[in-house]
Full PDB file with SEQRES, HELIX, SHEET, SSBOND, CRYST1, ORIGX, SCALE, CONECT and MASTER records, all heavy atoms in Angstrom:
SEQRES   1 A   32  VAL ILE GLN VAL PHE ASP LEU THR ALA ALA VAL THR GLY          
SEQRES   2 A   32  ILE ASN GLU THR THR ALA GLN ARG LEU GLY ILE GLN ALA          
SEQRES   3 A   32  ASP THR VAL VAL LEU SER                                      
HELIX    1 AA1 GLU A   16  ARG A   21  1                                   6    
SHEET    1 AA1 2 ILE A   2  VAL A   4  0                                        
SHEET    2 AA1 2 LEU A   7  ALA A   9 -1                                        
CRYST1    1.000    1.000    1.000  90.00  90.00  90.00 P 1           1          
ORIGX1      1.000000  0.000000  0.000000        0.00000                         
ORIGX2      0.000000  1.000000  0.000000        0.00000                         
ORIGX3      0.000000  0.000000  1.000000        0.00000                         
SCALE1      1.000000  0.000000  0.000000        0.00000                         
SCALE2      0.000000  1.000000  0.000000        0.00000                         
SCALE3      0.000000  0.000000  1.000000        0.00000                         
ATOM      1  N   VAL A   1     -24.057 -44.226 120.702  1.00  0.00           N  
ATOM      2  CA  VAL A   1     -22.598 -44.198 120.857  1.00  0.00           C  
ATOM      3  C   VAL A   1     -22.090 -42.894 120.263  1.00  0.00           C  
ATOM      4  O   VAL A   1     -22.676 -42.361 119.311  1.00  0.00           O  
ATOM      5  CB  VAL A   1     -21.944 -45.426 120.174  1.00  0.00           C  
ATOM      6  CG1 VAL A   1     -22.183 -45.417 118.669  1.00  0.00           C  
ATOM      7  CG2 VAL A   1     -20.447 -45.513 120.489  1.00  0.00           C  
ATOM      8  N   ILE A   2     -21.028 -42.353 120.837  1.00  0.00           N  
ATOM      9  CA  ILE A   2     -20.469 -41.095 120.368  1.00  0.00           C  
ATOM     10  C   ILE A   2     -18.956 -41.131 120.498  1.00  0.00           C  
ATOM     11  O   ILE A   2     -18.412 -41.721 121.443  1.00  0.00           O  
ATOM     12  CB  ILE A   2     -21.053 -39.897 121.160  1.00  0.00           C  
ATOM     13  CG1 ILE A   2     -20.530 -38.568 120.611  1.00  0.00           C  
ATOM     14  CG2 ILE A   2     -20.749 -40.024 122.651  1.00  0.00           C  
ATOM     15  CD1 ILE A   2     -21.179 -37.345 121.246  1.00  0.00           C  
ATOM     16  N   GLN A   3     -18.293 -40.511 119.539  1.00  0.00           N  
ATOM     17  CA  GLN A   3     -16.850 -40.320 119.636  1.00  0.00           C  
ATOM     18  C   GLN A   3     -16.587 -38.972 120.287  1.00  0.00           C  
ATOM     19  O   GLN A   3     -17.147 -37.956 119.870  1.00  0.00           O  
ATOM     20  CB  GLN A   3     -16.213 -40.352 118.246  1.00  0.00           C  
ATOM     21  CG  GLN A   3     -14.710 -40.087 118.242  1.00  0.00           C  
ATOM     22  CD  GLN A   3     -14.131 -40.142 116.838  1.00  0.00           C  
ATOM     23  OE1 GLN A   3     -14.325 -41.116 116.122  1.00  0.00           O  
ATOM     24  NE2 GLN A   3     -13.436 -39.090 116.442  1.00  0.00           N  
ATOM     25  N   VAL A   4     -15.763 -38.962 121.322  1.00  0.00           N  
ATOM     26  CA  VAL A   4     -15.372 -37.727 121.995  1.00  0.00           C  
ATOM     27  C   VAL A   4     -13.853 -37.654 121.943  1.00  0.00           C  
ATOM     28  O   VAL A   4     -13.159 -38.208 122.794  1.00  0.00           O  
ATOM     29  CB  VAL A   4     -15.880 -37.688 123.454  1.00  0.00           C  
ATOM     30  CG1 VAL A   4     -15.529 -36.346 124.101  1.00  0.00           C  
ATOM     31  CG2 VAL A   4     -17.378 -37.927 123.516  1.00  0.00           C  
ATOM     32  N   PHE A   5     -13.335 -37.027 120.886  1.00  0.00           N  
ATOM     33  CA  PHE A   5     -11.905 -36.986 120.626  1.00  0.00           C  
ATOM     34  C   PHE A   5     -11.360 -38.410 120.570  1.00  0.00           C  
ATOM     35  O   PHE A   5     -11.775 -39.176 119.708  1.00  0.00           O  
ATOM     36  CB  PHE A   5     -11.198 -36.101 121.654  1.00  0.00           C  
ATOM     37  CG  PHE A   5     -11.595 -34.647 121.550  1.00  0.00           C  
ATOM     38  CD1 PHE A   5     -12.572 -34.112 122.368  1.00  0.00           C  
ATOM     39  CD2 PHE A   5     -11.012 -33.824 120.603  1.00  0.00           C  
ATOM     40  CE1 PHE A   5     -12.965 -32.787 122.258  1.00  0.00           C  
ATOM     41  CE2 PHE A   5     -11.402 -32.495 120.479  1.00  0.00           C  
ATOM     42  CZ  PHE A   5     -12.372 -31.978 121.309  1.00  0.00           C  
ATOM     43  N   ASP A   6     -10.494 -38.815 121.501  1.00  0.00           N  
ATOM     44  CA  ASP A   6      -9.909 -40.151 121.427  1.00  0.00           C  
ATOM     45  C   ASP A   6     -10.787 -41.208 122.103  1.00  0.00           C  
ATOM     46  O   ASP A   6     -10.515 -42.409 121.979  1.00  0.00           O  
ATOM     47  CB  ASP A   6      -8.525 -40.162 122.083  1.00  0.00           C  
ATOM     48  CG  ASP A   6      -7.538 -39.266 121.359  1.00  0.00           C  
ATOM     49  OD1 ASP A   6      -7.701 -39.095 120.130  1.00  0.00           O  
ATOM     50  OD2 ASP A   6      -6.627 -38.723 122.004  1.00  0.00           O  
ATOM     51  N   LEU A   7     -11.791 -40.763 122.833  1.00  0.00           N  
ATOM     52  CA  LEU A   7     -12.649 -41.695 123.572  1.00  0.00           C  
ATOM     53  C   LEU A   7     -13.871 -42.105 122.754  1.00  0.00           C  
ATOM     54  O   LEU A   7     -14.307 -41.390 121.847  1.00  0.00           O  
ATOM     55  CB  LEU A   7     -13.148 -41.051 124.865  1.00  0.00           C  
ATOM     56  CG  LEU A   7     -12.197 -40.985 126.058  1.00  0.00           C  
ATOM     57  CD1 LEU A   7     -12.882 -40.275 127.219  1.00  0.00           C  
ATOM     58  CD2 LEU A   7     -11.756 -42.375 126.487  1.00  0.00           C  
ATOM     59  N   THR A   8     -14.419 -43.245 123.115  1.00  0.00           N  
ATOM     60  CA  THR A   8     -15.740 -43.660 122.650  1.00  0.00           C  
ATOM     61  C   THR A   8     -16.624 -43.802 123.884  1.00  0.00           C  
ATOM     62  O   THR A   8     -16.214 -44.390 124.884  1.00  0.00           O  
ATOM     63  CB  THR A   8     -15.678 -45.000 121.901  1.00  0.00           C  
ATOM     64  OG1 THR A   8     -14.846 -44.857 120.750  1.00  0.00           O  
ATOM     65  CG2 THR A   8     -17.066 -45.438 121.455  1.00  0.00           C  
ATOM     66  N   ALA A   9     -17.822 -43.235 123.802  1.00  0.00           N  
ATOM     67  CA  ALA A   9     -18.765 -43.320 124.923  1.00  0.00           C  
ATOM     68  C   ALA A   9     -20.082 -43.877 124.395  1.00  0.00           C  
ATOM     69  O   ALA A   9     -20.565 -43.467 123.340  1.00  0.00           O  
ATOM     70  CB  ALA A   9     -18.985 -41.945 125.550  1.00  0.00           C  
ATOM     71  N   ALA A  10     -20.647 -44.822 125.130  1.00  0.00           N  
ATOM     72  CA  ALA A  10     -21.868 -45.491 124.659  1.00  0.00           C  
ATOM     73  C   ALA A  10     -22.796 -45.755 125.832  1.00  0.00           C  
ATOM     74  O   ALA A  10     -22.357 -45.893 126.981  1.00  0.00           O  
ATOM     75  CB  ALA A  10     -21.517 -46.801 123.952  1.00  0.00           C  
ATOM     76  N   VAL A  11     -24.095 -45.847 125.518  1.00  0.00           N  
ATOM     77  CA  VAL A  11     -25.095 -46.009 126.564  1.00  0.00           C  
ATOM     78  C   VAL A  11     -26.265 -46.803 126.012  1.00  0.00           C  
ATOM     79  O   VAL A  11     -26.551 -46.764 124.812  1.00  0.00           O  
ATOM     80  CB  VAL A  11     -25.562 -44.619 127.079  1.00  0.00           C  
ATOM     81  CG1 VAL A  11     -26.227 -43.836 125.971  1.00  0.00           C  
ATOM     82  CG2 VAL A  11     -26.497 -44.734 128.278  1.00  0.00           C  
ATOM     83  N   THR A  12     -26.929 -47.545 126.888  1.00  0.00           N  
ATOM     84  CA  THR A  12     -28.180 -48.207 126.531  1.00  0.00           C  
ATOM     85  C   THR A  12     -29.054 -48.301 127.769  1.00  0.00           C  
ATOM     86  O   THR A  12     -28.549 -48.326 128.902  1.00  0.00           O  
ATOM     87  CB  THR A  12     -27.928 -49.609 125.934  1.00  0.00           C  
ATOM     88  OG1 THR A  12     -29.163 -50.132 125.424  1.00  0.00           O  
ATOM     89  CG2 THR A  12     -27.373 -50.576 126.973  1.00  0.00           C  
ATOM     90  N   GLY A  13     -30.364 -48.342 127.571  1.00  0.00           N  
ATOM     91  CA  GLY A  13     -31.280 -48.439 128.710  1.00  0.00           C  
ATOM     92  C   GLY A  13     -31.318 -47.157 129.517  1.00  0.00           C  
ATOM     93  O   GLY A  13     -31.137 -46.057 128.988  1.00  0.00           O  
ATOM     94  N   ILE A  14     -31.548 -47.274 130.821  1.00  0.00           N  
ATOM     95  CA  ILE A  14     -31.601 -46.094 131.688  1.00  0.00           C  
ATOM     96  C   ILE A  14     -30.367 -46.049 132.576  1.00  0.00           C  
ATOM     97  O   ILE A  14     -29.713 -47.061 132.827  1.00  0.00           O  
ATOM     98  CB  ILE A  14     -32.877 -46.079 132.551  1.00  0.00           C  
ATOM     99  CG1 ILE A  14     -32.913 -47.275 133.516  1.00  0.00           C  
ATOM    100  CG2 ILE A  14     -34.122 -46.051 131.680  1.00  0.00           C  
ATOM    101  CD1 ILE A  14     -34.039 -47.181 134.549  1.00  0.00           C  
ATOM    102  N   ASN A  15     -30.039 -44.850 133.044  1.00  0.00           N  
ATOM    103  CA  ASN A  15     -28.921 -44.710 133.964  1.00  0.00           C  
ATOM    104  C   ASN A  15     -29.406 -44.750 135.410  1.00  0.00           C  
ATOM    105  O   ASN A  15     -30.610 -44.843 135.683  1.00  0.00           O  
ATOM    106  CB  ASN A  15     -28.131 -43.433 133.664  1.00  0.00           C  
ATOM    107  CG  ASN A  15     -28.978 -42.170 133.755  1.00  0.00           C  
ATOM    108  OD1 ASN A  15     -29.981 -42.116 134.459  1.00  0.00           O  
ATOM    109  ND2 ASN A  15     -28.573 -41.135 133.043  1.00  0.00           N  
ATOM    110  N   GLU A  16     -28.475 -44.667 136.320  1.00  0.00           N  
ATOM    111  CA  GLU A  16     -28.814 -44.749 137.744  1.00  0.00           C  
ATOM    112  C   GLU A  16     -29.660 -43.557 138.176  1.00  0.00           C  
ATOM    113  O   GLU A  16     -30.594 -43.692 138.982  1.00  0.00           O  
ATOM    114  CB  GLU A  16     -27.528 -44.810 138.571  1.00  0.00           C  
ATOM    115  CG  GLU A  16     -27.749 -45.014 140.057  1.00  0.00           C  
ATOM    116  CD  GLU A  16     -26.447 -45.056 140.838  1.00  0.00           C  
ATOM    117  OE1 GLU A  16     -25.388 -44.678 140.283  1.00  0.00           O  
ATOM    118  OE2 GLU A  16     -26.490 -45.452 142.024  1.00  0.00           O  
ATOM    119  N   THR A  17     -29.354 -42.385 137.631  1.00  0.00           N  
ATOM    120  CA  THR A  17     -30.109 -41.178 137.967  1.00  0.00           C  
ATOM    121  C   THR A  17     -31.574 -41.332 137.611  1.00  0.00           C  
ATOM    122  O   THR A  17     -32.465 -40.981 138.399  1.00  0.00           O  
ATOM    123  CB  THR A  17     -29.510 -39.972 137.224  1.00  0.00           C  
ATOM    124  OG1 THR A  17     -28.108 -39.876 137.507  1.00  0.00           O  
ATOM    125  CG2 THR A  17     -30.202 -38.684 137.630  1.00  0.00           C  
ATOM    126  N   THR A  18     -31.858 -41.867 136.424  1.00  0.00           N  
ATOM    127  CA  THR A  18     -33.233 -42.072 135.989  1.00  0.00           C  
ATOM    128  C   THR A  18     -33.929 -43.115 136.858  1.00  0.00           C  
ATOM    129  O   THR A  18     -35.102 -42.960 137.224  1.00  0.00           O  
ATOM    130  CB  THR A  18     -33.269 -42.498 134.514  1.00  0.00           C  
ATOM    131  OG1 THR A  18     -32.669 -41.474 133.720  1.00  0.00           O  
ATOM    132  CG2 THR A  18     -34.688 -42.751 134.041  1.00  0.00           C  
ATOM    133  N   ALA A  19     -33.215 -44.188 137.184  1.00  0.00           N  
ATOM    134  CA  ALA A  19     -33.791 -45.223 138.045  1.00  0.00           C  
ATOM    135  C   ALA A  19     -34.216 -44.635 139.387  1.00  0.00           C  
ATOM    136  O   ALA A  19     -35.313 -44.927 139.892  1.00  0.00           O  
ATOM    137  CB  ALA A  19     -32.790 -46.356 138.245  1.00  0.00           C  
ATOM    138  N   GLN A  20     -33.381 -43.792 139.958  1.00  0.00           N  
ATOM    139  CA  GLN A  20     -33.723 -43.165 141.234  1.00  0.00           C  
ATOM    140  C   GLN A  20     -34.934 -42.256 141.093  1.00  0.00           C  
ATOM    141  O   GLN A  20     -35.825 -42.247 141.955  1.00  0.00           O  
ATOM    142  CB  GLN A  20     -32.519 -42.377 141.754  1.00  0.00           C  
ATOM    143  CG  GLN A  20     -31.357 -43.261 142.193  1.00  0.00           C  
ATOM    144  CD  GLN A  20     -30.102 -42.454 142.513  1.00  0.00           C  
ATOM    145  OE1 GLN A  20     -30.008 -41.267 142.197  1.00  0.00           O  
ATOM    146  NE2 GLN A  20     -29.120 -43.102 143.127  1.00  0.00           N  
ATOM    147  N   ARG A  21     -34.988 -41.499 139.992  1.00  0.00           N  
ATOM    148  CA  ARG A  21     -36.124 -40.601 139.763  1.00  0.00           C  
ATOM    149  C   ARG A  21     -37.428 -41.369 139.662  1.00  0.00           C  
ATOM    150  O   ARG A  21     -38.487 -40.895 140.110  1.00  0.00           O  
ATOM    151  CB  ARG A  21     -35.880 -39.778 138.491  1.00  0.00           C  
ATOM    152  CG  ARG A  21     -37.049 -38.886 138.087  1.00  0.00           C  
ATOM    153  CD  ARG A  21     -36.742 -38.074 136.847  1.00  0.00           C  
ATOM    154  NE  ARG A  21     -36.500 -38.892 135.678  1.00  0.00           N  
ATOM    155  CZ  ARG A  21     -37.452 -39.412 134.915  1.00  0.00           C  
ATOM    156  NH1 ARG A  21     -38.728 -39.233 135.221  1.00  0.00           N  
ATOM    157  NH2 ARG A  21     -37.142 -40.124 133.848  1.00  0.00           N  
ATOM    158  N   LEU A  22     -37.363 -42.558 139.073  1.00  0.00           N  
ATOM    159  CA  LEU A  22     -38.566 -43.360 138.878  1.00  0.00           C  
ATOM    160  C   LEU A  22     -38.887 -44.242 140.080  1.00  0.00           C  
ATOM    161  O   LEU A  22     -39.869 -44.987 140.058  1.00  0.00           O  
ATOM    162  CB  LEU A  22     -38.403 -44.236 137.629  1.00  0.00           C  
ATOM    163  CG  LEU A  22     -38.272 -43.485 136.299  1.00  0.00           C  
ATOM    164  CD1 LEU A  22     -37.992 -44.454 135.170  1.00  0.00           C  
ATOM    165  CD2 LEU A  22     -39.527 -42.675 136.008  1.00  0.00           C  
ATOM    166  N   GLY A  23     -38.055 -44.172 141.118  1.00  0.00           N  
ATOM    167  CA  GLY A  23     -38.305 -44.970 142.303  1.00  0.00           C  
ATOM    168  C   GLY A  23     -37.936 -46.434 142.156  1.00  0.00           C  
ATOM    169  O   GLY A  23     -38.394 -47.275 142.931  1.00  0.00           O  
ATOM    170  N   ILE A  24     -37.101 -46.754 141.187  1.00  0.00           N  
ATOM    171  CA  ILE A  24     -36.645 -48.134 140.995  1.00  0.00           C  
ATOM    172  C   ILE A  24     -35.480 -48.398 141.937  1.00  0.00           C  
ATOM    173  O   ILE A  24     -34.519 -47.623 141.993  1.00  0.00           O  
ATOM    174  CB  ILE A  24     -36.206 -48.374 139.535  1.00  0.00           C  
ATOM    175  CG1 ILE A  24     -37.377 -48.145 138.581  1.00  0.00           C  
ATOM    176  CG2 ILE A  24     -35.648 -49.782 139.360  1.00  0.00           C  
ATOM    177  CD1 ILE A  24     -36.987 -48.189 137.112  1.00  0.00           C  
ATOM    178  N   GLN A  25     -35.543 -49.472 142.686  1.00  0.00           N  
ATOM    179  CA  GLN A  25     -34.467 -49.835 143.598  1.00  0.00           C  
ATOM    180  C   GLN A  25     -33.323 -50.438 142.779  1.00  0.00           C  
ATOM    181  O   GLN A  25     -33.348 -51.618 142.434  1.00  0.00           O  
ATOM    182  CB  GLN A  25     -34.970 -50.828 144.645  1.00  0.00           C  
ATOM    183  CG  GLN A  25     -36.018 -50.252 145.575  1.00  0.00           C  
ATOM    184  CD  GLN A  25     -35.473 -49.088 146.395  1.00  0.00           C  
ATOM    185  OE1 GLN A  25     -34.431 -49.200 147.049  1.00  0.00           O  
ATOM    186  NE2 GLN A  25     -36.169 -47.965 146.347  1.00  0.00           N  
ATOM    187  N   ALA A  26     -32.346 -49.613 142.463  1.00  0.00           N  
ATOM    188  CA  ALA A  26     -31.282 -50.029 141.557  1.00  0.00           C  
ATOM    189  C   ALA A  26     -29.943 -50.079 142.271  1.00  0.00           C  
ATOM    190  O   ALA A  26     -29.703 -49.379 143.258  1.00  0.00           O  
ATOM    191  CB  ALA A  26     -31.197 -49.078 140.368  1.00  0.00           C  
ATOM    192  N   ASP A  27     -29.069 -50.910 141.740  1.00  0.00           N  
ATOM    193  CA  ASP A  27     -27.678 -50.967 142.178  1.00  0.00           C  
ATOM    194  C   ASP A  27     -26.825 -50.935 140.919  1.00  0.00           C  
ATOM    195  O   ASP A  27     -27.336 -51.064 139.789  1.00  0.00           O  
ATOM    196  CB  ASP A  27     -27.411 -52.231 142.993  1.00  0.00           C  
ATOM    197  CG  ASP A  27     -26.191 -52.083 143.902  1.00  0.00           C  
ATOM    198  OD1 ASP A  27     -25.437 -51.098 143.752  1.00  0.00           O  
ATOM    199  OD2 ASP A  27     -25.989 -52.962 144.758  1.00  0.00           O  
ATOM    200  N   THR A  28     -25.532 -50.752 141.087  1.00  0.00           N  
ATOM    201  CA  THR A  28     -24.638 -50.685 139.936  1.00  0.00           C  
ATOM    202  C   THR A  28     -23.359 -51.452 140.215  1.00  0.00           C  
ATOM    203  O   THR A  28     -22.967 -51.654 141.374  1.00  0.00           O  
ATOM    204  CB  THR A  28     -24.252 -49.231 139.607  1.00  0.00           C  
ATOM    205  OG1 THR A  28     -23.469 -48.686 140.674  1.00  0.00           O  
ATOM    206  CG2 THR A  28     -25.484 -48.371 139.388  1.00  0.00           C  
ATOM    207  N   VAL A  29     -22.715 -51.887 139.151  1.00  0.00           N  
ATOM    208  CA  VAL A  29     -21.329 -52.333 139.239  1.00  0.00           C  
ATOM    209  C   VAL A  29     -20.516 -51.455 138.299  1.00  0.00           C  
ATOM    210  O   VAL A  29     -20.962 -51.115 137.200  1.00  0.00           O  
ATOM    211  CB  VAL A  29     -21.151 -53.826 138.873  1.00  0.00           C  
ATOM    212  CG1 VAL A  29     -21.787 -54.708 139.917  1.00  0.00           C  
ATOM    213  CG2 VAL A  29     -21.698 -54.155 137.493  1.00  0.00           C  
ATOM    214  N   VAL A  30     -19.338 -51.065 138.755  1.00  0.00           N  
ATOM    215  CA  VAL A  30     -18.403 -50.281 137.950  1.00  0.00           C  
ATOM    216  C   VAL A  30     -17.106 -51.078 137.846  1.00  0.00           C  
ATOM    217  O   VAL A  30     -16.547 -51.496 138.861  1.00  0.00           O  
ATOM    218  CB  VAL A  30     -18.139 -48.896 138.575  1.00  0.00           C  
ATOM    219  CG1 VAL A  30     -17.118 -48.128 137.748  1.00  0.00           C  
ATOM    220  CG2 VAL A  30     -19.438 -48.101 138.699  1.00  0.00           C  
ATOM    221  N   LEU A  31     -16.670 -51.308 136.624  1.00  0.00           N  
ATOM    222  CA  LEU A  31     -15.446 -52.078 136.419  1.00  0.00           C  
ATOM    223  C   LEU A  31     -14.603 -51.426 135.335  1.00  0.00           C  
ATOM    224  O   LEU A  31     -15.116 -50.664 134.512  1.00  0.00           O  
ATOM    225  CB  LEU A  31     -15.757 -53.534 136.064  1.00  0.00           C  
ATOM    226  CG  LEU A  31     -16.615 -53.834 134.829  1.00  0.00           C  
ATOM    227  CD1 LEU A  31     -16.349 -55.267 134.351  1.00  0.00           C  
ATOM    228  CD2 LEU A  31     -18.110 -53.690 135.142  1.00  0.00           C  
ATOM    229  N   SER A  32     -13.326 -51.715 135.361  1.00  0.00           N  
ATOM    230  CA  SER A  32     -12.378 -51.112 134.413  1.00  0.00           C  
ATOM    231  C   SER A  32     -11.549 -52.203 133.745  1.00  0.00           C  
ATOM    232  O   SER A  32     -10.353 -52.356 134.020  1.00  0.00           O  
ATOM    233  CB  SER A  32     -11.469 -50.119 135.129  1.00  0.00           C  
ATOM    234  OG  SER A  32     -12.219 -49.066 135.701  1.00  0.00           O  
TER     235      SER A  32                                                      
MASTER        0    0    0    1    2    0    0    6  234    1    0    3          
END                                                                             
């Protein structure tokens, strides 16, 4: 997790880009 001025950004596991590189058939959901 990182603070970027007023925002907080956090990540866990792999992202979609990495999944594609590894040949994993991945999908995503994006919600707000």
